[in-house]
N, C-alpha and C. Protein backbone atom coordinates (compact mmCIF):
# COMPACT_ATOMS: atom_id res chain seq x y z
N UNK A 1 0.82 -1.19 0.00
CA UNK A 1 0.00 0.00 0.00
C UNK A 1 0.86 1.26 0.00
N UNK A 2 1.96 1.23 0.74
CA UNK A 2 2.85 2.39 0.81
C UNK A 2 3.47 2.68 -0.55
N UNK A 3 3.76 1.62 -1.33
CA UNK A 3 4.34 1.80 -2.66
C UNK A 3 3.36 2.51 -3.58
N UNK A 4 2.10 2.13 -3.53
CA UNK A 4 1.08 2.76 -4.37
C UNK A 4 0.91 4.23 -3.97
N UNK A 5 0.94 4.50 -2.69
CA UNK A 5 0.81 5.87 -2.21
C UNK A 5 1.98 6.72 -2.69
N UNK A 6 3.18 6.16 -2.65
CA UNK A 6 4.36 6.90 -3.10
C UNK A 6 4.30 7.15 -4.61
N UNK A 7 3.89 6.16 -5.37
CA UNK A 7 3.76 6.34 -6.82
C UNK A 7 2.72 7.40 -7.15
N UNK A 8 1.60 7.35 -6.46
CA UNK A 8 0.55 8.33 -6.68
C UNK A 8 1.04 9.74 -6.32
N UNK A 9 1.78 9.85 -5.23
CA UNK A 9 2.34 11.13 -4.84
C UNK A 9 3.33 11.65 -5.88
N UNK A 10 4.16 10.77 -6.42
CA UNK A 10 5.12 11.16 -7.46
C UNK A 10 4.40 11.64 -8.72
N UNK A 11 3.35 10.94 -9.12
CA UNK A 11 2.58 11.34 -10.30
C UNK A 11 1.94 12.70 -10.08
N UNK A 12 1.38 12.91 -8.89
CA UNK A 12 0.76 14.20 -8.60
C UNK A 12 1.78 15.33 -8.58
N UNK A 13 2.97 15.06 -8.08
CA UNK A 13 4.01 16.08 -8.05
C UNK A 13 4.55 16.37 -9.45
N UNK A 14 4.58 15.37 -10.31
CA UNK A 14 5.11 15.55 -11.66
C UNK A 14 4.04 16.02 -12.66
N UNK A 15 2.80 16.05 -12.25
CA UNK A 15 1.71 16.40 -13.16
C UNK A 15 1.91 17.78 -13.82
N UNK A 16 2.28 18.84 -13.07
CA UNK A 16 2.51 20.13 -13.73
C UNK A 16 3.64 20.08 -14.75
N UNK A 17 4.67 19.29 -14.47
CA UNK A 17 5.77 19.15 -15.42
C UNK A 17 5.29 18.46 -16.68
N UNK A 18 4.47 17.43 -16.53
CA UNK A 18 3.93 16.73 -17.69
C UNK A 18 3.00 17.63 -18.50
N UNK A 19 2.26 18.48 -17.83
CA UNK A 19 1.36 19.40 -18.52
C UNK A 19 2.14 20.42 -19.32
N UNK A 20 3.29 20.84 -18.82
CA UNK A 20 4.12 21.81 -19.54
C UNK A 20 4.78 21.17 -20.76
N UNK A 21 4.84 19.88 -20.83
CA UNK A 21 5.50 19.20 -21.93
C UNK A 21 4.73 19.31 -23.23
N UNK A 22 3.54 19.87 -23.20
CA UNK A 22 2.71 19.98 -24.40
C UNK A 22 3.04 21.23 -25.21
N UNK A 23 4.24 21.77 -25.08
CA UNK A 23 4.65 22.96 -25.80
C UNK A 23 4.90 22.60 -27.26
N UNK A 24 4.48 23.50 -28.16
CA UNK A 24 4.68 23.26 -29.59
C UNK A 24 6.16 23.32 -29.94
N UNK A 25 6.60 22.38 -30.73
CA UNK A 25 7.96 22.39 -31.25
C UNK A 25 7.85 22.46 -32.76
N UNK A 26 8.39 23.49 -33.33
CA UNK A 26 8.31 23.72 -34.77
C UNK A 26 9.70 23.62 -35.39
N UNK A 27 9.75 23.06 -36.56
CA UNK A 27 10.99 22.95 -37.31
C UNK A 27 10.98 24.00 -38.43
N UNK A 28 12.07 24.77 -38.52
CA UNK A 28 12.19 25.80 -39.53
C UNK A 28 13.45 25.57 -40.35
N UNK A 29 13.37 25.93 -41.63
CA UNK A 29 14.51 25.76 -42.53
C UNK A 29 15.59 26.81 -42.30
N UNK A 30 15.16 28.02 -41.91
CA UNK A 30 16.13 29.07 -41.69
C UNK A 30 15.75 29.90 -40.46
N UNK A 31 16.73 30.55 -39.86
CA UNK A 31 16.46 31.33 -38.65
C UNK A 31 15.57 32.56 -38.90
N UNK A 32 15.56 33.08 -40.12
CA UNK A 32 14.72 34.24 -40.44
C UNK A 32 13.25 33.86 -40.31
N UNK A 33 12.87 32.73 -40.86
CA UNK A 33 11.49 32.27 -40.78
C UNK A 33 11.11 31.98 -39.33
N UNK A 34 12.03 31.42 -38.59
CA UNK A 34 11.77 31.14 -37.17
C UNK A 34 11.54 32.44 -36.40
N UNK A 35 12.34 33.47 -36.70
CA UNK A 35 12.16 34.76 -36.04
C UNK A 35 10.84 35.41 -36.45
N UNK A 36 10.46 35.27 -37.72
CA UNK A 36 9.16 35.79 -38.17
C UNK A 36 8.03 35.10 -37.42
N UNK A 37 8.17 33.78 -37.22
CA UNK A 37 7.16 33.03 -36.48
C UNK A 37 7.04 33.56 -35.05
N UNK A 38 8.19 33.77 -34.39
CA UNK A 38 8.17 34.30 -33.02
C UNK A 38 7.54 35.69 -32.97
N UNK A 39 7.90 36.53 -33.95
CA UNK A 39 7.35 37.89 -33.97
C UNK A 39 5.84 37.87 -34.20
N UNK A 40 5.39 37.03 -35.13
CA UNK A 40 3.95 36.97 -35.42
C UNK A 40 3.17 36.41 -34.23
N UNK A 41 3.69 35.38 -33.59
CA UNK A 41 2.97 34.80 -32.45
C UNK A 41 3.02 35.73 -31.24
N UNK A 42 3.97 36.65 -31.20
CA UNK A 42 4.00 37.65 -30.13
C UNK A 42 3.11 38.84 -30.46
N UNK A 43 2.83 39.05 -31.75
CA UNK A 43 2.01 40.18 -32.20
C UNK A 43 0.53 39.88 -32.14
N UNK A 44 0.18 38.62 -32.28
CA UNK A 44 -1.25 38.24 -32.31
C UNK A 44 -1.74 37.91 -30.90
N UNK A 45 -2.92 38.41 -30.59
CA UNK A 45 -3.53 38.21 -29.27
C UNK A 45 -4.47 37.01 -29.33
N UNK A 46 -4.47 36.24 -28.27
CA UNK A 46 -5.37 35.09 -28.16
C UNK A 46 -6.80 35.59 -27.96
N UNK A 47 -7.76 35.13 -28.76
CA UNK A 47 -9.15 35.57 -28.60
C UNK A 47 -9.78 35.11 -27.29
N UNK A 48 -9.29 34.01 -26.75
CA UNK A 48 -9.86 33.48 -25.51
C UNK A 48 -9.25 34.11 -24.27
N UNK A 49 -7.95 34.31 -24.30
CA UNK A 49 -7.23 34.85 -23.14
C UNK A 49 -7.29 36.38 -23.19
N UNK A 50 -7.17 36.99 -22.06
CA UNK A 50 -7.15 38.44 -22.01
C UNK A 50 -5.72 38.94 -22.02
N UNK A 51 -5.38 39.69 -23.04
CA UNK A 51 -4.06 40.29 -23.19
C UNK A 51 -2.92 39.28 -23.08
N UNK A 52 -3.05 38.19 -23.76
CA UNK A 52 -1.98 37.20 -23.81
C UNK A 52 -1.74 36.85 -25.27
N UNK A 53 -0.50 36.88 -25.68
CA UNK A 53 -0.15 36.55 -27.05
C UNK A 53 -0.36 35.06 -27.30
N UNK A 54 -0.59 34.72 -28.57
CA UNK A 54 -0.83 33.30 -28.88
C UNK A 54 0.43 32.47 -28.64
N UNK A 55 1.59 33.11 -28.68
CA UNK A 55 2.83 32.38 -28.40
C UNK A 55 2.98 32.00 -26.94
N UNK A 56 2.27 32.71 -26.06
CA UNK A 56 2.36 32.46 -24.62
C UNK A 56 1.16 31.72 -24.06
N UNK A 57 0.12 31.57 -24.86
CA UNK A 57 -1.14 31.01 -24.37
C UNK A 57 -1.17 29.50 -24.53
N UNK A 58 -1.83 28.84 -23.57
CA UNK A 58 -1.99 27.39 -23.63
C UNK A 58 -3.39 26.99 -24.12
N UNK A 59 -4.21 27.97 -24.48
CA UNK A 59 -5.57 27.65 -24.90
C UNK A 59 -5.55 26.93 -26.25
N UNK A 60 -6.55 26.08 -26.49
CA UNK A 60 -6.60 25.34 -27.76
C UNK A 60 -6.69 26.25 -28.99
N UNK A 61 -7.42 27.37 -28.86
CA UNK A 61 -7.54 28.26 -30.02
C UNK A 61 -6.20 28.92 -30.33
N UNK A 62 -5.40 29.22 -29.31
CA UNK A 62 -4.07 29.79 -29.54
C UNK A 62 -3.18 28.76 -30.23
N UNK A 63 -3.30 27.51 -29.83
CA UNK A 63 -2.54 26.45 -30.51
C UNK A 63 -2.94 26.33 -31.97
N UNK A 64 -4.23 26.45 -32.25
CA UNK A 64 -4.71 26.42 -33.63
C UNK A 64 -4.17 27.61 -34.41
N UNK A 65 -4.16 28.77 -33.78
CA UNK A 65 -3.64 29.96 -34.46
C UNK A 65 -2.14 29.84 -34.73
N UNK A 66 -1.40 29.30 -33.78
CA UNK A 66 0.03 29.09 -34.00
C UNK A 66 0.27 28.13 -35.17
N UNK A 67 -0.56 27.09 -35.24
CA UNK A 67 -0.45 26.13 -36.35
C UNK A 67 -0.73 26.80 -37.69
N UNK A 68 -1.75 27.67 -37.71
CA UNK A 68 -2.07 28.38 -38.95
C UNK A 68 -0.93 29.32 -39.37
N UNK A 69 -0.35 30.01 -38.40
CA UNK A 69 0.78 30.89 -38.70
C UNK A 69 1.94 30.06 -39.26
N UNK A 70 2.22 28.94 -38.63
CA UNK A 70 3.32 28.07 -39.08
C UNK A 70 3.08 27.58 -40.50
N UNK A 71 1.88 27.10 -40.78
CA UNK A 71 1.56 26.59 -42.13
C UNK A 71 1.70 27.68 -43.18
N UNK A 72 1.23 28.86 -42.85
CA UNK A 72 1.29 29.94 -43.83
C UNK A 72 2.73 30.42 -44.05
N UNK A 73 3.54 30.39 -43.01
CA UNK A 73 4.96 30.70 -43.19
C UNK A 73 5.63 29.67 -44.09
N UNK A 74 5.28 28.40 -43.87
CA UNK A 74 5.85 27.34 -44.70
C UNK A 74 5.38 27.44 -46.15
N UNK A 75 4.18 28.02 -46.35
CA UNK A 75 3.65 28.21 -47.70
C UNK A 75 4.24 29.44 -48.38
N UNK A 76 5.05 30.21 -47.67
CA UNK A 76 5.72 31.35 -48.27
C UNK A 76 4.93 32.65 -48.23
N UNK A 77 3.94 32.74 -47.39
CA UNK A 77 3.14 33.96 -47.30
C UNK A 77 3.90 35.04 -46.53
N UNK A 78 3.60 36.29 -46.86
CA UNK A 78 4.24 37.41 -46.17
C UNK A 78 3.57 37.65 -44.82
N UNK A 79 4.23 38.43 -43.98
CA UNK A 79 3.67 38.74 -42.67
C UNK A 79 2.34 39.47 -42.82
N UNK A 80 2.25 40.38 -43.78
CA UNK A 80 1.01 41.13 -43.99
C UNK A 80 -0.12 40.19 -44.41
N UNK A 81 0.17 39.24 -45.27
CA UNK A 81 -0.86 38.28 -45.69
C UNK A 81 -1.33 37.43 -44.51
N UNK A 82 -0.40 37.04 -43.68
CA UNK A 82 -0.76 36.23 -42.51
C UNK A 82 -1.61 37.05 -41.54
N UNK A 83 -1.21 38.29 -41.28
CA UNK A 83 -1.98 39.14 -40.38
C UNK A 83 -3.37 39.42 -40.95
N UNK A 84 -3.45 39.66 -42.28
CA UNK A 84 -4.76 39.88 -42.92
C UNK A 84 -5.65 38.65 -42.76
N UNK A 85 -5.07 37.48 -42.95
CA UNK A 85 -5.84 36.24 -42.79
C UNK A 85 -6.38 36.11 -41.37
N UNK A 86 -5.52 36.37 -40.39
CA UNK A 86 -5.93 36.25 -39.00
C UNK A 86 -7.01 37.27 -38.63
N UNK A 87 -6.87 38.50 -39.15
CA UNK A 87 -7.89 39.52 -38.87
C UNK A 87 -9.21 39.13 -39.53
N UNK A 88 -9.16 38.63 -40.75
CA UNK A 88 -10.39 38.19 -41.43
C UNK A 88 -11.04 37.03 -40.70
N UNK A 89 -10.24 36.17 -40.15
CA UNK A 89 -10.76 34.97 -39.47
C UNK A 89 -11.24 35.25 -38.05
N UNK A 90 -10.46 36.08 -37.29
CA UNK A 90 -10.74 36.27 -35.87
C UNK A 90 -11.15 37.69 -35.49
N UNK A 91 -11.04 38.64 -36.41
CA UNK A 91 -11.42 40.02 -36.12
C UNK A 91 -10.22 40.86 -35.69
N UNK A 92 -10.46 42.17 -35.59
CA UNK A 92 -9.39 43.11 -35.24
C UNK A 92 -8.86 42.90 -33.83
N UNK A 93 -9.61 42.23 -33.00
CA UNK A 93 -9.19 42.01 -31.62
C UNK A 93 -7.85 41.28 -31.53
N UNK A 94 -7.52 40.47 -32.52
CA UNK A 94 -6.29 39.67 -32.43
C UNK A 94 -5.03 40.51 -32.61
N UNK A 95 -5.17 41.76 -33.04
CA UNK A 95 -4.01 42.63 -33.21
C UNK A 95 -3.81 43.46 -31.95
N UNK A 96 -2.61 43.40 -31.39
CA UNK A 96 -2.31 44.24 -30.22
C UNK A 96 -2.32 45.71 -30.62
N UNK A 97 -1.81 46.03 -31.79
CA UNK A 97 -1.80 47.40 -32.31
C UNK A 97 -2.75 47.47 -33.49
N UNK A 98 -3.97 47.97 -33.28
CA UNK A 98 -4.93 48.03 -34.38
C UNK A 98 -4.42 48.90 -35.52
N UNK A 99 -4.86 48.59 -36.70
CA UNK A 99 -4.44 49.33 -37.88
C UNK A 99 -5.09 50.71 -37.90
N UNK A 100 -4.43 51.65 -38.56
CA UNK A 100 -4.96 53.00 -38.69
C UNK A 100 -5.94 53.01 -39.85
N UNK A 101 -7.22 52.99 -39.51
CA UNK A 101 -8.30 52.99 -40.50
C UNK A 101 -9.33 54.01 -40.06
N UNK A 102 -10.33 54.21 -40.88
CA UNK A 102 -11.38 55.16 -40.55
C UNK A 102 -12.06 54.85 -39.22
N UNK A 103 -12.30 53.60 -38.97
CA UNK A 103 -13.01 53.24 -37.74
C UNK A 103 -12.11 53.21 -36.52
N UNK A 104 -10.80 53.30 -36.71
CA UNK A 104 -9.89 53.32 -35.56
C UNK A 104 -9.23 54.68 -35.36
N UNK A 105 -9.63 55.68 -36.14
CA UNK A 105 -9.03 57.01 -35.99
C UNK A 105 -9.25 57.56 -34.59
N UNK A 106 -10.44 57.37 -34.06
CA UNK A 106 -10.72 57.86 -32.71
C UNK A 106 -9.80 57.18 -31.69
N UNK A 107 -9.59 55.89 -31.87
CA UNK A 107 -8.72 55.14 -30.96
C UNK A 107 -7.30 55.68 -30.99
N UNK A 108 -6.79 56.00 -32.17
CA UNK A 108 -5.43 56.51 -32.30
C UNK A 108 -5.34 57.99 -31.98
N UNK A 109 -6.38 58.77 -32.31
CA UNK A 109 -6.31 60.22 -32.15
C UNK A 109 -6.73 60.72 -30.78
N UNK A 110 -7.53 59.95 -30.06
CA UNK A 110 -8.04 60.41 -28.78
C UNK A 110 -6.94 60.71 -27.76
N UNK A 111 -5.92 59.88 -27.59
CA UNK A 111 -4.87 60.21 -26.61
C UNK A 111 -4.15 61.51 -26.95
N UNK A 112 -3.83 61.73 -28.21
CA UNK A 112 -3.16 62.97 -28.60
C UNK A 112 -4.08 64.16 -28.40
N UNK A 113 -5.34 64.01 -28.77
CA UNK A 113 -6.31 65.09 -28.58
C UNK A 113 -6.50 65.44 -27.12
N UNK A 114 -6.57 64.44 -26.27
CA UNK A 114 -6.72 64.69 -24.83
C UNK A 114 -5.47 65.36 -24.25
N UNK A 115 -4.30 64.98 -24.73
CA UNK A 115 -3.06 65.61 -24.26
C UNK A 115 -3.02 67.07 -24.66
N UNK A 116 -3.41 67.39 -25.89
CA UNK A 116 -3.46 68.78 -26.34
C UNK A 116 -4.49 69.57 -25.55
N UNK A 117 -5.65 68.99 -25.33
CA UNK A 117 -6.69 69.65 -24.56
C UNK A 117 -6.21 69.92 -23.13
N UNK A 118 -5.54 68.97 -22.52
CA UNK A 118 -5.00 69.15 -21.18
C UNK A 118 -3.97 70.26 -21.13
N UNK A 119 -3.08 70.32 -22.13
CA UNK A 119 -2.07 71.38 -22.18
C UNK A 119 -2.74 72.74 -22.34
N UNK A 120 -3.77 72.83 -23.16
CA UNK A 120 -4.49 74.08 -23.35
C UNK A 120 -5.16 74.53 -22.05
N UNK A 121 -5.76 73.60 -21.32
CA UNK A 121 -6.41 73.93 -20.04
C UNK A 121 -5.37 74.44 -19.05
N UNK A 122 -4.21 73.82 -18.98
CA UNK A 122 -3.16 74.26 -18.06
C UNK A 122 -2.69 75.67 -18.42
N UNK A 123 -2.46 75.93 -19.70
CA UNK A 123 -2.02 77.26 -20.14
C UNK A 123 -3.07 78.31 -19.77
N UNK A 124 -4.34 78.02 -20.03
CA UNK A 124 -5.40 78.98 -19.71
C UNK A 124 -5.51 79.21 -18.21
N UNK A 125 -5.35 78.17 -17.41
CA UNK A 125 -5.41 78.33 -15.96
C UNK A 125 -4.25 79.17 -15.44
N UNK A 126 -3.05 78.97 -15.97
CA UNK A 126 -1.89 79.74 -15.53
C UNK A 126 -2.06 81.20 -15.90
N UNK A 127 -2.54 81.49 -17.11
CA UNK A 127 -2.78 82.87 -17.53
C UNK A 127 -3.82 83.54 -16.63
N UNK A 128 -4.90 82.83 -16.38
CA UNK A 128 -5.96 83.39 -15.55
C UNK A 128 -5.46 83.67 -14.14
N UNK A 129 -4.66 82.79 -13.60
CA UNK A 129 -4.14 82.98 -12.25
C UNK A 129 -3.18 84.18 -12.19
N UNK A 130 -2.37 84.34 -13.21
CA UNK A 130 -1.44 85.48 -13.24
C UNK A 130 -2.21 86.80 -13.29
N UNK A 131 -3.22 86.85 -14.13
CA UNK A 131 -4.02 88.07 -14.24
C UNK A 131 -4.74 88.37 -12.93
N UNK A 132 -5.33 87.35 -12.34
CA UNK A 132 -6.09 87.52 -11.11
C UNK A 132 -5.18 87.95 -9.97
N UNK A 133 -4.02 87.33 -9.84
CA UNK A 133 -3.13 87.67 -8.72
C UNK A 133 -2.58 89.07 -8.86
N UNK A 134 -2.35 89.55 -10.06
CA UNK A 134 -1.83 90.90 -10.26
C UNK A 134 -2.93 91.93 -10.01
N UNK A 135 -4.16 91.64 -10.32
CA UNK A 135 -5.26 92.58 -10.14
C UNK A 135 -5.70 92.69 -8.68
N UNK A 136 -5.52 91.66 -7.90
CA UNK A 136 -6.00 91.62 -6.53
C UNK A 136 -5.11 92.40 -5.56
N UNK A 137 -3.99 92.91 -6.01
CA UNK A 137 -3.09 93.64 -5.12
C UNK A 137 -3.65 95.05 -4.84
N UNK A 138 -3.48 95.46 -3.61
CA UNK A 138 -3.87 96.83 -3.26
C UNK A 138 -2.79 97.77 -3.77
N UNK A 139 -3.05 99.06 -3.63
CA UNK A 139 -2.09 100.06 -4.10
C UNK A 139 -0.79 99.95 -3.31
N UNK A 140 -0.90 99.71 -1.99
CA UNK A 140 0.30 99.56 -1.16
C UNK A 140 1.11 98.34 -1.56
N UNK A 141 0.40 97.22 -1.76
CA UNK A 141 1.08 95.98 -2.15
C UNK A 141 1.72 96.11 -3.52
N UNK A 142 1.04 96.81 -4.41
CA UNK A 142 1.58 97.01 -5.75
C UNK A 142 2.86 97.86 -5.67
N UNK A 143 2.84 98.88 -4.88
CA UNK A 143 4.02 99.74 -4.72
C UNK A 143 5.17 98.96 -4.09
N UNK A 144 4.86 98.18 -3.10
CA UNK A 144 5.90 97.36 -2.45
C UNK A 144 6.49 96.35 -3.41
N UNK A 145 5.62 95.71 -4.22
CA UNK A 145 6.10 94.75 -5.23
C UNK A 145 6.98 95.44 -6.25
N UNK A 146 6.58 96.60 -6.72
CA UNK A 146 7.40 97.33 -7.69
C UNK A 146 8.76 97.70 -7.09
N UNK A 147 8.76 98.09 -5.82
CA UNK A 147 10.02 98.43 -5.15
C UNK A 147 10.93 97.21 -5.05
N UNK A 148 10.35 96.08 -4.73
CA UNK A 148 11.15 94.84 -4.65
C UNK A 148 11.73 94.47 -6.01
N UNK A 149 10.93 94.62 -7.04
CA UNK A 149 11.40 94.29 -8.39
C UNK A 149 12.52 95.22 -8.79
N UNK A 150 12.39 96.52 -8.50
CA UNK A 150 13.44 97.49 -8.84
C UNK A 150 14.72 97.18 -8.08
N UNK A 151 14.58 96.84 -6.79
CA UNK A 151 15.74 96.52 -5.98
C UNK A 151 16.44 95.26 -6.50
N UNK A 152 15.68 94.29 -6.94
CA UNK A 152 16.23 93.04 -7.49
C UNK A 152 17.03 93.34 -8.76
N UNK A 153 16.53 94.22 -9.57
CA UNK A 153 17.20 94.53 -10.85
C UNK A 153 18.50 95.31 -10.62
N UNK A 154 18.53 96.14 -9.61
CA UNK A 154 19.75 96.93 -9.37
C UNK A 154 20.85 96.13 -8.72
N UNK A 155 20.50 95.08 -8.04
CA UNK A 155 21.53 94.27 -7.36
C UNK A 155 22.18 93.34 -8.29
């Protein structure tokens, strides 16, 4: 009985290692194609996983997508053709960086527009504060400020 318990314990301890053994192993003719495969699988997002590339995902759909990328690379397709195929098959969601198109202009332009709007608001607030602070001085304070400024310039 102790032997069975030990074997069962060993299997349970090795189970995560055995599960990791299901990693895809691909054969490539040249290192350039292998690098293209790595780049494409890092560029494409898994539709099932949230923010995980298909190269890092263990989901079955990511494995299918990796297989499709591999087959198309072996067929001599360009990176653009492969990306177009994946977008047609799975939608724009699979691209980490969406393409610049009419329907994605807001996505690309909104951060820049908000940054410009924020800079404009800051400039207007600084101008308004300068005007307000200069106007709120009494005659005595204004004279004292002018005297300090003159003294600073002469020193």
